[in-house]
């Protein structure tokens, strides 16, 4: 699993980590019962404070996406199945897009039309963004 963080992103770092875990579930890079990197390992890899990673893992655990086995680590739970995460991820993306559209004076209809136009122009979605 590859997690990338964008310091220029307005979302807090722990939310970006959560979104990256969800994305990995949706694209199939993570499956139920797969282990996540340890808090220390991920914090070291991303050059973050371990408390930031721990906060992301706690929130994912609270949502039922992951669970902790004492002494063994953090694992993807059954609720972290791709279908459920796909729905959650789609909603989160839509919320961010809608918020950004409103900030720029666009209506929901303008946004939907732009998405439909873009989707119609693409034979297949780009895998470079995955």
Protein backbone atom coordinates (compact mmCIF):
# COMPACT_ATOMS: atom_id res chain seq x y z
CA UNK A 1 0.00 0.00 0.00
CA UNK A 2 1.35 3.40 -1.01
CA UNK A 3 0.21 6.47 0.89
CA UNK A 4 0.98 9.91 -0.42
CA UNK A 5 0.38 13.14 1.44
CA UNK A 6 0.03 16.56 -0.16
CA UNK A 7 1.17 19.36 2.16
CA UNK A 8 -0.65 21.91 -0.04
CA UNK A 9 -3.98 20.10 0.43
CA UNK A 10 -6.39 21.98 2.71
CA UNK A 11 -7.45 18.74 4.41
CA UNK A 12 -5.66 17.83 7.65
CA UNK A 13 -2.87 15.27 7.24
CA UNK A 14 -4.70 12.62 9.30
CA UNK A 15 -7.73 12.95 6.99
CA UNK A 16 -5.48 12.52 3.97
CA UNK A 17 -4.12 9.30 5.51
CA UNK A 18 -7.67 8.07 6.13
CA UNK A 19 -8.64 8.87 2.54
CA UNK A 20 -5.58 7.06 1.21
CA UNK A 21 -6.47 3.93 3.19
CA UNK A 22 -10.03 4.11 1.86
CA UNK A 23 -8.72 4.58 -1.68
CA UNK A 24 -6.49 1.51 -1.29
CA UNK A 25 -9.58 -0.47 -0.27
CA UNK A 26 -11.57 0.72 -3.26
CA UNK A 27 -8.87 -0.04 -5.81
CA UNK A 28 -8.14 -3.42 -4.24
CA UNK A 29 -4.68 -2.68 -2.87
CA UNK A 30 -6.07 -3.55 0.58
CA UNK A 31 -8.53 -6.29 1.47
CA UNK A 32 -10.22 -7.34 4.72
CA UNK A 33 -7.71 -8.78 7.22
CA UNK A 34 -4.71 -7.13 5.49
CA UNK A 35 -2.33 -5.43 7.95
CA UNK A 36 -1.67 -1.71 7.81
CA UNK A 37 1.86 -0.42 8.37
CA UNK A 38 2.63 0.20 12.02
CA UNK A 39 2.12 3.74 13.28
CA UNK A 40 5.86 4.18 13.73
CA UNK A 41 6.68 2.76 10.30
CA UNK A 42 4.15 4.90 8.44
CA UNK A 43 5.12 8.01 10.40
CA UNK A 44 8.76 7.38 9.54
CA UNK A 45 7.99 6.72 5.85
CA UNK A 46 5.90 9.89 5.55
CA UNK A 47 8.13 11.94 7.89
CA UNK A 48 5.21 12.75 10.16
CA UNK A 49 4.61 12.87 13.86
CA UNK A 50 3.44 9.40 14.98
CA UNK A 51 0.49 11.06 16.75
CA UNK A 52 -0.87 12.16 13.35
CA UNK A 53 -0.83 8.59 12.02
CA UNK A 54 -2.27 7.28 15.30
CA UNK A 55 -5.13 9.78 15.03
CA UNK A 56 -5.93 8.57 11.49
CA UNK A 57 -5.87 4.94 12.62
CA UNK A 58 -8.08 5.72 15.65
CA UNK A 59 -10.66 7.44 13.42
CA UNK A 60 -10.62 4.54 10.96
CA UNK A 61 -11.07 2.15 13.88
CA UNK A 62 -13.95 4.23 15.25
CA UNK A 63 -15.62 4.01 11.83
CA UNK A 64 -15.12 0.24 11.76
CA UNK A 65 -12.83 0.30 8.73
CA UNK A 66 -9.90 -1.17 10.69
CA UNK A 67 -9.40 -2.93 13.99
CA UNK A 68 -6.47 -3.41 16.35
CA UNK A 69 -5.09 -6.75 17.51
CA UNK A 70 -3.14 -6.02 20.66
CA UNK A 71 0.54 -6.72 20.10
CA UNK A 72 0.04 -7.53 16.41
CA UNK A 73 -1.01 -4.31 14.75
CA UNK A 74 -3.86 -2.70 12.84
CA UNK A 75 -5.83 -4.70 10.27
CA UNK A 76 -8.53 -3.97 7.71
CA UNK A 77 -11.91 -5.00 9.10
CA UNK A 78 -14.79 -6.64 7.30
CA UNK A 79 -16.58 -3.29 7.18
CA UNK A 80 -13.66 -2.03 5.16
CA UNK A 81 -14.94 -4.02 2.19
CA UNK A 82 -14.49 -2.34 -1.17
CA UNK A 83 -18.22 -1.85 -1.87
CA UNK A 84 -18.94 0.07 1.33
CA UNK A 85 -15.76 2.09 1.01
CA UNK A 86 -16.51 2.86 -2.63
CA UNK A 87 -19.82 4.43 -1.55
CA UNK A 88 -18.17 6.40 1.25
CA UNK A 89 -15.33 7.53 -0.98
CA UNK A 90 -17.72 8.63 -3.74
CA UNK A 91 -19.69 10.68 -1.21
CA UNK A 92 -16.54 12.30 0.19
CA UNK A 93 -15.30 13.19 -3.31
CA UNK A 94 -18.71 14.60 -4.21
CA UNK A 95 -18.83 16.69 -1.02
CA UNK A 96 -15.40 18.19 -1.74
CA UNK A 97 -16.27 18.86 -5.39
CA UNK A 98 -19.58 20.47 -4.44
CA UNK A 99 -17.94 22.65 -1.80
CA UNK A 100 -15.28 23.75 -4.29
CA UNK A 101 -17.93 24.43 -6.95
CA UNK A 102 -19.92 26.62 -4.55
CA UNK A 103 -16.77 28.52 -3.61
CA UNK A 104 -16.33 29.33 -7.29
CA UNK A 105 -19.94 30.37 -7.82
CA UNK A 106 -21.05 27.21 -9.60
CA UNK A 107 -24.30 25.38 -8.94
CA UNK A 108 -24.64 21.64 -8.38
CA UNK A 109 -26.16 21.40 -11.86
CA UNK A 110 -23.10 23.15 -13.38
CA UNK A 111 -20.84 20.66 -11.61
CA UNK A 112 -22.88 17.61 -12.66
CA UNK A 113 -22.93 18.79 -16.27
CA UNK A 114 -19.16 19.35 -16.26
CA UNK A 115 -18.58 15.86 -14.82
CA UNK A 116 -20.89 14.29 -17.40
CA UNK A 117 -19.13 16.14 -20.21
CA UNK A 118 -15.72 15.05 -18.97
CA UNK A 119 -16.87 11.46 -18.49
CA UNK A 120 -18.37 11.34 -21.99
CA UNK A 121 -15.08 12.55 -23.43
CA UNK A 122 -13.11 9.73 -21.85
CA UNK A 123 -13.38 6.21 -23.23
CA UNK A 124 -11.92 4.84 -20.00
CA UNK A 125 -10.89 6.54 -16.77
CA UNK A 126 -7.19 7.22 -16.45
CA UNK A 127 -5.34 4.74 -14.25
CA UNK A 128 -2.53 7.19 -13.69
CA UNK A 129 -4.52 8.83 -10.90
CA UNK A 130 -5.16 5.61 -8.99
